[in-house]
Amino acid sequence: MKTIIIEQWENEHYPLGTIKKQKLKAKAEHEIIHILNRMAQMPAITRFGEASEVPAN
């Protein structure tokens, strides 16, 4: 069931890395759902740690 939850989330959002999947699978199902829901609400800049500079005019 944990694998199904993670795979469904990946199909709806973005692929997760191997280490992240291992860490999630070690948790209870309700914890997995909570973590994935929080991740889905994060903007891409927060998720990937990238920010593009806006040129000042």
PDB file of N, CA and C in Angstrom:
ATOM      1  N   MET A   1       0.830  -1.194   0.000  1.00  0.00           N
ATOM      2  CA  MET A   1       0.000   0.000   0.000  1.00  0.00           C
ATOM      3  C   MET A   1       0.875   1.259   0.000  1.00  0.00           C
ATOM      4  N   LYS A   2       1.980   1.238   0.736  1.00  0.00           N
ATOM      5  CA  LYS A   2       2.862   2.401   0.778  1.00  0.00           C
ATOM      6  C   LYS A   2       3.404   2.715  -0.613  1.00  0.00           C
ATOM      7  N   THR A   3       3.796   1.678  -1.343  1.00  0.00           N
ATOM      8  CA  THR A   3       4.327   1.861  -2.693  1.00  0.00           C
ATOM      9  C   THR A   3       3.271   2.461  -3.614  1.00  0.00           C
ATOM     10  N   ILE A   4       2.040   2.018  -3.473  1.00  0.00           N
ATOM     11  CA  ILE A   4       0.944   2.534  -4.310  1.00  0.00           C
ATOM     12  C   ILE A   4       0.721   4.017  -4.037  1.00  0.00           C
ATOM     13  N   ILE A   5       0.740   4.398  -2.766  1.00  0.00           N
ATOM     14  CA  ILE A   5       0.552   5.809  -2.400  1.00  0.00           C
ATOM     15  C   ILE A   5       1.641   6.664  -3.040  1.00  0.00           C
ATOM     16  N   ILE A   6       2.888   6.211  -2.920  1.00  0.00           N
ATOM     17  CA  ILE A   6       4.019   6.976  -3.454  1.00  0.00           C
ATOM     18  C   ILE A   6       3.958   7.045  -4.976  1.00  0.00           C
ATOM     19  N   GLU A   7       3.674   5.918  -5.637  1.00  0.00           N
ATOM     20  CA  GLU A   7       3.602   5.901  -7.106  1.00  0.00           C
ATOM     21  C   GLU A   7       2.486   6.797  -7.621  1.00  0.00           C
ATOM     22  N   GLN A   8       1.345   6.764  -6.961  1.00  0.00           N
ATOM     23  CA  GLN A   8       0.224   7.610  -7.394  1.00  0.00           C
ATOM     24  C   GLN A   8       0.600   9.087  -7.260  1.00  0.00           C
ATOM     25  N   TRP A   9       1.259   9.439  -6.157  1.00  0.00           N
ATOM     26  CA  TRP A   9       1.673  10.825  -5.950  1.00  0.00           C
ATOM     27  C   TRP A   9       2.664  11.255  -7.024  1.00  0.00           C
ATOM     28  N   GLU A  10       3.615  10.376  -7.351  1.00  0.00           N
ATOM     29  CA  GLU A  10       4.603  10.687  -8.395  1.00  0.00           C
ATOM     30  C   GLU A  10       3.917  10.926  -9.738  1.00  0.00           C
ATOM     31  N   ASN A  11       2.905  10.129 -10.050  1.00  0.00           N
ATOM     32  CA  ASN A  11       2.181  10.298 -11.316  1.00  0.00           C
ATOM     33  C   ASN A  11       1.458  11.640 -11.367  1.00  0.00           C
ATOM     34  N   GLU A  12       0.993  12.123 -10.221  1.00  0.00           N
ATOM     35  CA  GLU A  12       0.246  13.374 -10.175  1.00  0.00           C
ATOM     36  C   GLU A  12       1.151  14.602 -10.055  1.00  0.00           C
ATOM     37  N   HIS A  13       2.376  14.419  -9.545  1.00  0.00           N
ATOM     38  CA  HIS A  13       3.233  15.577  -9.269  1.00  0.00           C
ATOM     39  C   HIS A  13       4.572  15.473 -10.001  1.00  0.00           C
ATOM     40  N   TYR A  14       5.550  14.845  -9.391  1.00  0.00           N
ATOM     41  CA  TYR A  14       6.878  14.713  -9.997  1.00  0.00           C
ATOM     42  C   TYR A  14       7.581  13.512  -9.386  1.00  0.00           C
ATOM     43  N   PRO A  15       8.551  12.938 -10.097  1.00  0.00           N
ATOM     44  CA  PRO A  15       9.246  11.754  -9.581  1.00  0.00           C
ATOM     45  C   PRO A  15      10.078  12.073  -8.335  1.00  0.00           C
ATOM     46  N   LEU A  16      10.123  11.120  -7.434  1.00  0.00           N
ATOM     47  CA  LEU A  16      10.920  11.257  -6.223  1.00  0.00           C
ATOM     48  C   LEU A  16      12.199  10.447  -6.375  1.00  0.00           C
ATOM     49  N   GLY A  17      13.226  10.861  -5.690  1.00  0.00           N
ATOM     50  CA  GLY A  17      14.494  10.139  -5.721  1.00  0.00           C
ATOM     51  C   GLY A  17      14.416   8.854  -4.919  1.00  0.00           C
ATOM     52  N   THR A  18      15.360   7.968  -5.149  1.00  0.00           N
ATOM     53  CA  THR A  18      15.402   6.666  -4.494  1.00  0.00           C
ATOM     54  C   THR A  18      15.502   6.799  -2.975  1.00  0.00           C
ATOM     55  N   ILE A  19      16.350   7.704  -2.508  1.00  0.00           N
ATOM     56  CA  ILE A  19      16.535   7.874  -1.067  1.00  0.00           C
ATOM     57  C   ILE A  19      15.257   8.399  -0.417  1.00  0.00           C
ATOM     58  N   LYS A  20      14.594   9.357  -1.063  1.00  0.00           N
ATOM     59  CA  LYS A  20      13.345   9.902  -0.536  1.00  0.00           C
ATOM     60  C   LYS A  20      12.291   8.804  -0.435  1.00  0.00           C
ATOM     61  N   LYS A  21      12.211   7.944  -1.452  1.00  0.00           N
ATOM     62  CA  LYS A  21      11.240   6.845  -1.429  1.00  0.00           C
ATOM     63  C   LYS A  21      11.538   5.890  -0.277  1.00  0.00           C
ATOM     64  N   GLN A  22      12.812   5.574  -0.061  1.00  0.00           N
ATOM     65  CA  GLN A  22      13.189   4.673   1.036  1.00  0.00           C
ATOM     66  C   GLN A  22      12.797   5.265   2.384  1.00  0.00           C
ATOM     67  N   LYS A  23      13.036   6.553   2.558  1.00  0.00           N
ATOM     68  CA  LYS A  23      12.693   7.216   3.819  1.00  0.00           C
ATOM     69  C   LYS A  23      11.181   7.225   4.035  1.00  0.00           C
ATOM     70  N   LEU A  24      10.428   7.464   2.964  1.00  0.00           N
ATOM     71  CA  LEU A  24       8.971   7.469   3.083  1.00  0.00           C
ATOM     72  C   LEU A  24       8.440   6.080   3.425  1.00  0.00           C
ATOM     73  N   LYS A  25       8.981   5.047   2.772  1.00  0.00           N
ATOM     74  CA  LYS A  25       8.499   3.684   3.010  1.00  0.00           C
ATOM     75  C   LYS A  25       8.758   3.207   4.437  1.00  0.00           C
ATOM     76  N   ALA A  26       9.697   3.841   5.130  1.00  0.00           N
ATOM     77  CA  ALA A  26       9.994   3.476   6.513  1.00  0.00           C
ATOM     78  C   ALA A  26       8.956   4.063   7.482  1.00  0.00           C
ATOM     79  N   LYS A  27       8.089   4.944   6.999  1.00  0.00           N
ATOM     80  CA  LYS A  27       7.107   5.616   7.847  1.00  0.00           C
ATOM     81  C   LYS A  27       5.740   4.942   7.731  1.00  0.00           C
ATOM     82  N   ALA A  28       4.839   5.314   8.630  1.00  0.00           N
ATOM     83  CA  ALA A  28       3.463   4.812   8.586  1.00  0.00           C
ATOM     84  C   ALA A  28       2.724   5.474   7.421  1.00  0.00           C
ATOM     85  N   GLU A  29       1.657   4.817   6.963  1.00  0.00           N
ATOM     86  CA  GLU A  29       0.915   5.329   5.799  1.00  0.00           C
ATOM     87  C   GLU A  29       0.384   6.741   6.021  1.00  0.00           C
ATOM     88  N   HIS A  30      -0.153   7.024   7.203  1.00  0.00           N
ATOM     89  CA  HIS A  30      -0.696   8.372   7.441  1.00  0.00           C
ATOM     90  C   HIS A  30       0.421   9.416   7.433  1.00  0.00           C
ATOM     91  N   GLU A  31       1.624   9.038   7.871  1.00  0.00           N
ATOM     92  CA  GLU A  31       2.754   9.962   7.820  1.00  0.00           C
ATOM     93  C   GLU A  31       3.187  10.220   6.381  1.00  0.00           C
ATOM     94  N   ILE A  32       3.183   9.177   5.554  1.00  0.00           N
ATOM     95  CA  ILE A  32       3.541   9.320   4.140  1.00  0.00           C
ATOM     96  C   ILE A  32       2.595  10.305   3.459  1.00  0.00           C
ATOM     97  N   ILE A  33       1.313  10.116   3.687  1.00  0.00           N
ATOM     98  CA  ILE A  33       0.307  10.987   3.073  1.00  0.00           C
ATOM     99  C   ILE A  33       0.505  12.431   3.525  1.00  0.00           C
ATOM    100  N   HIS A  34       0.752  12.627   4.810  1.00  0.00           N
ATOM    101  CA  HIS A  34       0.962  13.975   5.349  1.00  0.00           C
ATOM    102  C   HIS A  34       2.184  14.635   4.701  1.00  0.00           C
ATOM    103  N   ILE A  35       3.288  13.916   4.624  1.00  0.00           N
ATOM    104  CA  ILE A  35       4.527  14.456   4.041  1.00  0.00           C
ATOM    105  C   ILE A  35       4.328  14.796   2.568  1.00  0.00           C
ATOM    106  N   LEU A  36       3.714  13.887   1.816  1.00  0.00           N
ATOM    107  CA  LEU A  36       3.503  14.118   0.386  1.00  0.00           C
ATOM    108  C   LEU A  36       2.551  15.290   0.153  1.00  0.00           C
ATOM    109  N   ASN A  37       1.550  15.442   1.006  1.00  0.00           N
ATOM    110  CA  ASN A  37       0.642  16.589   0.875  1.00  0.00           C
ATOM    111  C   ASN A  37       1.389  17.898   1.093  1.00  0.00           C
ATOM    112  N   ARG A  38       2.284  17.921   2.068  1.00  0.00           N
ATOM    113  CA  ARG A  38       3.098  19.124   2.298  1.00  0.00           C
ATOM    114  C   ARG A  38       4.004  19.404   1.107  1.00  0.00           C
ATOM    115  N   MET A  39       4.612  18.361   0.556  1.00  0.00           N
ATOM    116  CA  MET A  39       5.505  18.534  -0.593  1.00  0.00           C
ATOM    117  C   MET A  39       4.741  19.066  -1.802  1.00  0.00           C
ATOM    118  N   ALA A  40       3.511  18.630  -1.975  1.00  0.00           N
ATOM    119  CA  ALA A  40       2.707  19.071  -3.116  1.00  0.00           C
ATOM    120  C   ALA A  40       2.385  20.558  -3.026  1.00  0.00           C
ATOM    121  N   GLN A  41       2.359  21.101  -1.814  1.00  0.00           N
ATOM    122  CA  GLN A  41       2.019  22.510  -1.629  1.00  0.00           C
ATOM    123  C   GLN A  41       3.230  23.430  -1.760  1.00  0.00           C
ATOM    124  N   MET A  42       4.430  22.859  -1.764  1.00  0.00           N
ATOM    125  CA  MET A  42       5.638  23.680  -1.874  1.00  0.00           C
ATOM    126  C   MET A  42       5.813  24.199  -3.296  1.00  0.00           C
ATOM    127  N   PRO A  43       6.222  25.452  -3.435  1.00  0.00           N
ATOM    128  CA  PRO A  43       6.550  25.928  -4.780  1.00  0.00           C
ATOM    129  C   PRO A  43       7.820  25.255  -5.280  1.00  0.00           C
ATOM    130  N   ALA A  44       7.994  25.229  -6.575  1.00  0.00           N
ATOM    131  CA  ALA A  44       9.144  24.550  -7.184  1.00  0.00           C
ATOM    132  C   ALA A  44      10.466  25.102  -6.666  1.00  0.00           C
ATOM    133  N   ILE A  45      10.535  26.393  -6.398  1.00  0.00           N
ATOM    134  CA  ILE A  45      11.779  27.003  -5.914  1.00  0.00           C
ATOM    135  C   ILE A  45      12.190  26.361  -4.591  1.00  0.00           C
ATOM    136  N   THR A  46      11.239  26.125  -3.713  1.00  0.00           N
ATOM    137  CA  THR A  46      11.533  25.512  -2.420  1.00  0.00           C
ATOM    138  C   THR A  46      11.925  24.056  -2.599  1.00  0.00           C
ATOM    139  N   ARG A  47      11.220  23.346  -3.462  1.00  0.00           N
ATOM    140  CA  ARG A  47      11.477  21.916  -3.660  1.00  0.00           C
ATOM    141  C   ARG A  47      12.879  21.668  -4.174  1.00  0.00           C
ATOM    142  N   PHE A  48      13.293  22.415  -5.178  1.00  0.00           N
ATOM    143  CA  PHE A  48      14.546  22.125  -5.853  1.00  0.00           C
ATOM    144  C   PHE A  48      15.691  23.028  -5.415  1.00  0.00           C
ATOM    145  N   GLY A  49      15.404  24.001  -4.552  1.00  0.00           N
ATOM    146  CA  GLY A  49      16.446  24.873  -4.057  1.00  0.00           C
ATOM    147  C   GLY A  49      17.046  25.779  -5.109  1.00  0.00           C
ATOM    148  N   GLU A  50      16.267  26.098  -6.128  1.00  0.00           N
ATOM    149  CA  GLU A  50      16.761  26.957  -7.208  1.00  0.00           C
ATOM    150  C   GLU A  50      15.949  28.238  -7.239  1.00  0.00           C
ATOM    151  N   ALA A  51      16.644  29.325  -7.435  1.00  0.00           N
ATOM    152  CA  ALA A  51      15.952  30.607  -7.593  1.00  0.00           C
ATOM    153  C   ALA A  51      16.670  31.379  -8.690  1.00  0.00           C
ATOM    154  N   SER A  52      15.919  31.911  -9.595  1.00  0.00           N
ATOM    155  CA  SER A  52      16.535  32.722 -10.644  1.00  0.00           C
ATOM    156  C   SER A  52      16.492  34.170 -10.208  1.00  0.00           C
ATOM    157  N   GLU A  53      17.543  34.870 -10.480  1.00  0.00           N
ATOM    158  CA  GLU A  53      17.607  36.280 -10.100  1.00  0.00           C
ATOM    159  C   GLU A  53      16.784  37.107 -11.063  1.00  0.00           C
ATOM    160  N   VAL A  54      16.091  38.076 -10.501  1.00  0.00           N
ATOM    161  CA  VAL A  54      15.306  38.996 -11.306  1.00  0.00           C
ATOM    162  C   VAL A  54      16.145  40.242 -11.518  1.00  0.00           C
ATOM    163  N   PRO A  55      16.415  40.599 -12.777  1.00  0.00           N
ATOM    164  CA  PRO A  55      17.240  41.786 -13.026  1.00  0.00           C
ATOM    165  C   PRO A  55      16.533  43.054 -12.560  1.00  0.00           C
ATOM    166  N   ALA A  56      17.265  43.913 -11.907  1.00  0.00           N
ATOM    167  CA  ALA A  56      16.699  45.188 -11.442  1.00  0.00           C
ATOM    168  C   ALA A  56      16.774  46.206 -12.580  1.00  0.00           C
ATOM    169  N   ASN A  57      15.658  46.846 -12.853  1.00  0.00           N
ATOM    170  CA  ASN A  57      15.612  47.856 -13.923  1.00  0.00           C
ATOM    171  C   ASN A  57      15.566  49.234 -13.363  1.00  0.00           C
TER     172      ASN A  57
END
